[in-house]
């Protein structure tokens, strides 16, 4: 029984280290000076004036793709950004457009045993780079958990939840990729950065 306890403690510690590393990596990606005078260039995502409300920020409602799924579900991709760490983070929102409650289909998790063991997720999502003829799968941590939204709840009619997925980054000259997730239509998205 003590071995089982140790394994759980190690799993929690690894998850904490991975989460902290991801948070630091994301936080560290915002700075940088691209201007000739050492000052950062203006960004399209900078807020108008001093308004901290993200809904009034430019590009806050940008949609790269809107993919229809089963049971009235819609996946709206709002960003796909290349990060300095060598990965691409895709953000979006899943909404239940039907008049009945709906669940994210179990097929969206993919068919890999390690990923399925961690609950409903978007672990089956892929990016396809037609130019280099490569398919990129959702990244996983050292415990096999997919680096994507997991344990998604049942959605009431009209309800939506934010989602994210992280993939290895395609070559920098590949900015247009096809995004796919089982049970949803596929769509072409542009990777920024």
C-alpha atoms as a PDB file:
ATOM      1  CA  UNK A   1       0.000   0.000   0.000  1.00  0.00           C
ATOM      2  CA  UNK A   2       2.897   2.382   0.636  1.00  0.00           C
ATOM      3  CA  UNK A   3       4.117   1.844  -2.927  1.00  0.00           C
ATOM      4  CA  UNK A   4       0.706   2.870  -4.203  1.00  0.00           C
ATOM      5  CA  UNK A   5       0.783   6.005  -2.050  1.00  0.00           C
ATOM      6  CA  UNK A   6       4.274   6.899  -3.317  1.00  0.00           C
ATOM      7  CA  UNK A   7       3.136   6.493  -6.935  1.00  0.00           C
ATOM      8  CA  UNK A   8       0.208   8.834  -6.367  1.00  0.00           C
ATOM      9  CA  UNK A   9       2.433  11.411  -4.705  1.00  0.00           C
ATOM     10  CA  UNK A  10       4.904  11.232  -7.586  1.00  0.00           C
ATOM     11  CA  UNK A  11       2.068  11.569 -10.123  1.00  0.00           C
ATOM     12  CA  UNK A  12       0.813  14.689  -8.346  1.00  0.00           C
ATOM     13  CA  UNK A  13       4.313  16.141  -8.176  1.00  0.00           C
ATOM     14  CA  UNK A  14       4.942  15.483 -11.871  1.00  0.00           C
ATOM     15  CA  UNK A  15       1.592  17.036 -12.783  1.00  0.00           C
ATOM     16  CA  UNK A  16       2.422  20.085 -10.641  1.00  0.00           C
ATOM     17  CA  UNK A  17       5.863  20.461 -12.248  1.00  0.00           C
ATOM     18  CA  UNK A  18       4.390  20.128 -15.777  1.00  0.00           C
ATOM     19  CA  UNK A  19       1.631  22.648 -15.015  1.00  0.00           C
ATOM     20  CA  UNK A  20       4.116  25.124 -13.518  1.00  0.00           C
ATOM     21  CA  UNK A  21       6.453  24.726 -16.494  1.00  0.00           C
ATOM     22  CA  UNK A  22       3.628  25.334 -18.946  1.00  0.00           C
ATOM     23  CA  UNK A  23       2.458  28.391 -17.004  1.00  0.00           C
ATOM     24  CA  UNK A  24       5.978  29.845 -16.978  1.00  0.00           C
ATOM     25  CA  UNK A  25       6.433  29.049 -20.667  1.00  0.00           C
ATOM     26  CA  UNK A  26       3.180  30.776 -21.613  1.00  0.00           C
ATOM     27  CA  UNK A  27       3.913  33.765 -19.361  1.00  0.00           C
ATOM     28  CA  UNK A  28       7.409  34.125 -20.804  1.00  0.00           C
ATOM     29  CA  UNK A  29       6.184  34.189 -24.404  1.00  0.00           C
ATOM     30  CA  UNK A  30       4.529  37.623 -24.178  1.00  0.00           C
ATOM     31  CA  UNK A  31       7.603  39.822 -23.823  1.00  0.00           C
ATOM     32  CA  UNK A  32      10.326  40.594 -26.251  1.00  0.00           C
ATOM     33  CA  UNK A  33      11.392  43.604 -28.196  1.00  0.00           C
ATOM     34  CA  UNK A  34      10.931  43.424 -31.912  1.00  0.00           C
ATOM     35  CA  UNK A  35      11.274  47.118 -32.695  1.00  0.00           C
ATOM     36  CA  UNK A  36      14.523  48.738 -33.835  1.00  0.00           C
ATOM     37  CA  UNK A  37      14.633  50.990 -30.763  1.00  0.00           C
ATOM     38  CA  UNK A  38      14.296  48.029 -28.367  1.00  0.00           C
ATOM     39  CA  UNK A  39      10.640  48.769 -27.631  1.00  0.00           C
ATOM     40  CA  UNK A  40       8.040  46.120 -28.376  1.00  0.00           C
ATOM     41  CA  UNK A  41       6.038  46.525 -31.562  1.00  0.00           C
ATOM     42  CA  UNK A  42       2.334  47.253 -31.291  1.00  0.00           C
ATOM     43  CA  UNK A  43       0.264  44.102 -31.198  1.00  0.00           C
ATOM     44  CA  UNK A  44      -3.171  43.477 -32.673  1.00  0.00           C
ATOM     45  CA  UNK A  45      -4.154  41.873 -29.377  1.00  0.00           C
ATOM     46  CA  UNK A  46      -3.342  44.975 -27.323  1.00  0.00           C
ATOM     47  CA  UNK A  47      -6.410  46.375 -25.645  1.00  0.00           C
ATOM     48  CA  UNK A  48      -8.058  49.560 -26.797  1.00  0.00           C
ATOM     49  CA  UNK A  49      -7.011  52.289 -24.406  1.00  0.00           C
ATOM     50  CA  UNK A  50      -6.623  51.031 -20.860  1.00  0.00           C
ATOM     51  CA  UNK A  51      -9.690  48.792 -20.899  1.00  0.00           C
ATOM     52  CA  UNK A  52      -8.733  45.493 -19.209  1.00  0.00           C
ATOM     53  CA  UNK A  53     -11.919  43.769 -20.449  1.00  0.00           C
ATOM     54  CA  UNK A  54     -10.822  41.077 -22.954  1.00  0.00           C
ATOM     55  CA  UNK A  55     -14.151  41.277 -24.790  1.00  0.00           C
ATOM     56  CA  UNK A  56     -13.236  44.766 -26.011  1.00  0.00           C
ATOM     57  CA  UNK A  57      -9.770  43.796 -27.186  1.00  0.00           C
ATOM     58  CA  UNK A  58      -9.050  43.750 -30.881  1.00  0.00           C
ATOM     59  CA  UNK A  59      -9.085  40.200 -32.226  1.00  0.00           C
ATOM     60  CA  UNK A  60     -10.882  38.878 -29.126  1.00  0.00           C
ATOM     61  CA  UNK A  61     -13.765  37.601 -31.273  1.00  0.00           C
ATOM     62  CA  UNK A  62     -11.618  36.422 -34.196  1.00  0.00           C
ATOM     63  CA  UNK A  63     -12.590  32.997 -35.500  1.00  0.00           C
ATOM     64  CA  UNK A  64     -10.046  30.965 -37.470  1.00  0.00           C
ATOM     65  CA  UNK A  65     -12.464  28.095 -38.102  1.00  0.00           C
ATOM     66  CA  UNK A  66     -15.879  26.898 -36.966  1.00  0.00           C
ATOM     67  CA  UNK A  67     -16.311  23.132 -37.067  1.00  0.00           C
ATOM     68  CA  UNK A  68     -19.642  21.338 -36.726  1.00  0.00           C
ATOM     69  CA  UNK A  69     -19.816  18.144 -34.715  1.00  0.00           C
ATOM     70  CA  UNK A  70     -22.375  15.565 -33.673  1.00  0.00           C
ATOM     71  CA  UNK A  71     -25.404  16.371 -31.540  1.00  0.00           C
ATOM     72  CA  UNK A  72     -25.385  20.115 -32.221  1.00  0.00           C
ATOM     73  CA  UNK A  73     -21.853  20.716 -30.939  1.00  0.00           C
ATOM     74  CA  UNK A  74     -19.730  23.427 -32.554  1.00  0.00           C
ATOM     75  CA  UNK A  75     -15.982  23.896 -32.094  1.00  0.00           C
ATOM     76  CA  UNK A  76     -14.843  27.461 -32.747  1.00  0.00           C
ATOM     77  CA  UNK A  77     -11.055  27.868 -33.105  1.00  0.00           C
ATOM     78  CA  UNK A  78     -10.046  31.378 -31.973  1.00  0.00           C
ATOM     79  CA  UNK A  79      -6.235  31.177 -32.053  1.00  0.00           C
ATOM     80  CA  UNK A  80      -3.341  28.969 -33.098  1.00  0.00           C
ATOM     81  CA  UNK A  81      -0.075  30.426 -31.863  1.00  0.00           C
ATOM     82  CA  UNK A  82       3.474  29.160 -32.263  1.00  0.00           C
ATOM     83  CA  UNK A  83       5.389  29.373 -28.966  1.00  0.00           C
ATOM     84  CA  UNK A  84       9.121  29.738 -28.335  1.00  0.00           C
ATOM     85  CA  UNK A  85       9.183  26.281 -26.729  1.00  0.00           C
ATOM     86  CA  UNK A  86       8.626  24.553 -30.084  1.00  0.00           C
ATOM     87  CA  UNK A  87       4.917  23.907 -29.826  1.00  0.00           C
ATOM     88  CA  UNK A  88       1.639  25.313 -31.127  1.00  0.00           C
ATOM     89  CA  UNK A  89      -1.240  26.104 -28.778  1.00  0.00           C
ATOM     90  CA  UNK A  90      -4.710  26.012 -30.318  1.00  0.00           C
ATOM     91  CA  UNK A  91      -7.447  27.758 -28.312  1.00  0.00           C
ATOM     92  CA  UNK A  92     -11.159  27.719 -28.893  1.00  0.00           C
ATOM     93  CA  UNK A  93     -14.604  27.095 -27.522  1.00  0.00           C
ATOM     94  CA  UNK A  94     -17.029  24.199 -27.743  1.00  0.00           C
ATOM     95  CA  UNK A  95     -20.685  25.188 -27.701  1.00  0.00           C
ATOM     96  CA  UNK A  96     -23.862  23.135 -27.551  1.00  0.00           C
ATOM     97  CA  UNK A  97     -26.070  24.747 -30.196  1.00  0.00           C
ATOM     98  CA  UNK A  98     -28.856  22.191 -29.734  1.00  0.00           C
ATOM     99  CA  UNK A  99     -31.895  22.424 -27.490  1.00  0.00           C
ATOM    100  CA  UNK A 100     -30.865  19.276 -25.567  1.00  0.00           C
ATOM    101  CA  UNK A 101     -27.921  18.566 -23.239  1.00  0.00           C
ATOM    102  CA  UNK A 102     -24.885  17.105 -25.060  1.00  0.00           C
ATOM    103  CA  UNK A 103     -21.565  15.456 -24.215  1.00  0.00           C
ATOM    104  CA  UNK A 104     -18.302  15.645 -26.101  1.00  0.00           C
ATOM    105  CA  UNK A 105     -18.195  12.277 -27.928  1.00  0.00           C
ATOM    106  CA  UNK A 106     -15.736   9.779 -26.471  1.00  0.00           C
ATOM    107  CA  UNK A 107     -14.235   9.404 -29.980  1.00  0.00           C
ATOM    108  CA  UNK A 108     -12.835  12.954 -29.685  1.00  0.00           C
ATOM    109  CA  UNK A 109     -10.298  11.524 -27.212  1.00  0.00           C
ATOM    110  CA  UNK A 110      -8.823   9.369 -29.968  1.00  0.00           C
ATOM    111  CA  UNK A 111      -8.101   5.673 -29.655  1.00  0.00           C
ATOM    112  CA  UNK A 112      -4.843   5.585 -27.670  1.00  0.00           C
ATOM    113  CA  UNK A 113      -5.257   3.724 -24.388  1.00  0.00           C
ATOM    114  CA  UNK A 114      -3.003   6.124 -22.420  1.00  0.00           C
ATOM    115  CA  UNK A 115      -5.058   9.152 -23.444  1.00  0.00           C
ATOM    116  CA  UNK A 116      -8.470   7.501 -22.993  1.00  0.00           C
ATOM    117  CA  UNK A 117      -7.486   6.532 -19.432  1.00  0.00           C
ATOM    118  CA  UNK A 118      -7.478  10.228 -18.466  1.00  0.00           C
ATOM    119  CA  UNK A 119     -11.127  10.946 -19.283  1.00  0.00           C
ATOM    120  CA  UNK A 120     -12.916  12.725 -22.097  1.00  0.00           C
ATOM    121  CA  UNK A 121     -10.648  15.101 -23.931  1.00  0.00           C
ATOM    122  CA  UNK A 122      -9.693  16.413 -27.336  1.00  0.00           C
ATOM    123  CA  UNK A 123      -6.691  14.057 -27.334  1.00  0.00           C
ATOM    124  CA  UNK A 124      -7.609  12.758 -30.780  1.00  0.00           C
ATOM    125  CA  UNK A 125      -7.035  16.169 -32.394  1.00  0.00           C
ATOM    126  CA  UNK A 126      -4.357  16.522 -35.069  1.00  0.00           C
ATOM    127  CA  UNK A 127      -2.758  19.191 -37.225  1.00  0.00           C
ATOM    128  CA  UNK A 128      -1.992  18.155 -40.808  1.00  0.00           C
ATOM    129  CA  UNK A 129       0.737  20.019 -42.654  1.00  0.00           C
ATOM    130  CA  UNK A 130       0.126  19.193 -46.306  1.00  0.00           C
ATOM    131  CA  UNK A 131       3.268  21.026 -47.468  1.00  0.00           C
ATOM    132  CA  UNK A 132       5.630  18.779 -45.486  1.00  0.00           C
ATOM    133  CA  UNK A 133       3.214  15.797 -45.545  1.00  0.00           C
ATOM    134  CA  UNK A 134       3.205  15.425 -41.749  1.00  0.00           C
ATOM    135  CA  UNK A 135       0.522  14.920 -39.114  1.00  0.00           C
ATOM    136  CA  UNK A 136       1.051  16.327 -35.602  1.00  0.00           C
ATOM    137  CA  UNK A 137      -0.699  14.769 -32.599  1.00  0.00           C
ATOM    138  CA  UNK A 138      -1.621  16.364 -29.257  1.00  0.00           C
ATOM    139  CA  UNK A 139       1.392  16.404 -26.916  1.00  0.00           C
ATOM    140  CA  UNK A 140       1.401  14.345 -23.703  1.00  0.00           C
ATOM    141  CA  UNK A 141       3.077  14.772 -20.334  1.00  0.00           C
ATOM    142  CA  UNK A 142       5.308  12.143 -18.740  1.00  0.00           C
ATOM    143  CA  UNK A 143       2.280  10.361 -17.262  1.00  0.00           C
ATOM    144  CA  UNK A 144       0.571  10.048 -20.663  1.00  0.00           C
ATOM    145  CA  UNK A 145      -2.006  12.790 -20.042  1.00  0.00           C
ATOM    146  CA  UNK A 146      -2.808  14.778 -23.178  1.00  0.00           C
ATOM    147  CA  UNK A 147      -1.937  18.489 -23.125  1.00  0.00           C
ATOM    148  CA  UNK A 148      -5.497  19.485 -23.877  1.00  0.00           C
ATOM    149  CA  UNK A 149      -8.725  20.200 -22.049  1.00  0.00           C
ATOM    150  CA  UNK A 150      -9.828  17.025 -20.227  1.00  0.00           C
ATOM    151  CA  UNK A 151     -12.814  15.782 -18.223  1.00  0.00           C
ATOM    152  CA  UNK A 152     -15.206  17.975 -20.163  1.00  0.00           C
ATOM    153  CA  UNK A 153     -18.643  18.195 -18.583  1.00  0.00           C
ATOM    154  CA  UNK A 154     -22.019  17.575 -20.149  1.00  0.00           C
ATOM    155  CA  UNK A 155     -23.096  20.819 -21.804  1.00  0.00           C
ATOM    156  CA  UNK A 156     -26.567  22.232 -21.279  1.00  0.00           C
ATOM    157  CA  UNK A 157     -28.416  23.677 -24.265  1.00  0.00           C
ATOM    158  CA  UNK A 158     -26.627  26.884 -25.314  1.00  0.00           C
ATOM    159  CA  UNK A 159     -23.714  26.324 -22.903  1.00  0.00           C
ATOM    160  CA  UNK A 160     -20.077  26.652 -24.010  1.00  0.00           C
ATOM    161  CA  UNK A 161     -16.667  25.889 -22.512  1.00  0.00           C
ATOM    162  CA  UNK A 162     -13.162  27.112 -23.436  1.00  0.00           C
ATOM    163  CA  UNK A 163     -10.771  24.471 -24.762  1.00  0.00           C
ATOM    164  CA  UNK A 164      -7.085  24.246 -25.680  1.00  0.00           C
ATOM    165  CA  UNK A 165      -4.737  21.760 -27.338  1.00  0.00           C
ATOM    166  CA  UNK A 166      -0.941  21.766 -27.684  1.00  0.00           C
ATOM    167  CA  UNK A 167       0.938  20.221 -30.601  1.00  0.00           C
ATOM    168  CA  UNK A 168       4.549  20.019 -31.763  1.00  0.00           C
ATOM    169  CA  UNK A 169       5.172  23.017 -34.017  1.00  0.00           C
ATOM    170  CA  UNK A 170       5.386  22.441 -37.777  1.00  0.00           C
ATOM    171  CA  UNK A 171       8.336  24.077 -39.592  1.00  0.00           C
ATOM    172  CA  UNK A 172       8.230  27.882 -39.439  1.00  0.00           C
ATOM    173  CA  UNK A 173       7.502  28.140 -43.170  1.00  0.00           C
ATOM    174  CA  UNK A 174       4.281  26.113 -42.654  1.00  0.00           C
ATOM    175  CA  UNK A 175       1.648  28.506 -41.365  1.00  0.00           C
ATOM    176  CA  UNK A 176      -1.472  26.945 -42.909  1.00  0.00           C
ATOM    177  CA  UNK A 177      -2.542  23.568 -41.514  1.00  0.00           C
ATOM    178  CA  UNK A 178      -5.676  21.453 -41.411  1.00  0.00           C
ATOM    179  CA  UNK A 179      -7.138  20.988 -37.937  1.00  0.00           C
ATOM    180  CA  UNK A 180      -8.972  17.713 -37.304  1.00  0.00           C
ATOM    181  CA  UNK A 181     -10.705  16.153 -34.308  1.00  0.00           C
ATOM    182  CA  UNK A 182     -12.831  12.978 -34.498  1.00  0.00           C
ATOM    183  CA  UNK A 183     -16.609  13.532 -34.920  1.00  0.00           C
ATOM    184  CA  UNK A 184     -16.098  17.168 -36.021  1.00  0.00           C
ATOM    185  CA  UNK A 185     -15.660  18.542 -39.532  1.00  0.00           C
ATOM    186  CA  UNK A 186     -12.077  19.484 -40.385  1.00  0.00           C
ATOM    187  CA  UNK A 187     -10.960  23.036 -41.183  1.00  0.00           C
ATOM    188  CA  UNK A 188      -7.956  25.001 -42.348  1.00  0.00           C
ATOM    189  CA  UNK A 189      -6.378  27.342 -39.803  1.00  0.00           C
ATOM    190  CA  UNK A 190      -3.478  29.811 -39.845  1.00  0.00           C
ATOM    191  CA  UNK A 191      -0.715  29.505 -37.255  1.00  0.00           C
ATOM    192  CA  UNK A 192       0.550  32.853 -35.990  1.00  0.00           C
ATOM    193  CA  UNK A 193       4.017  33.586 -34.651  1.00  0.00           C
END
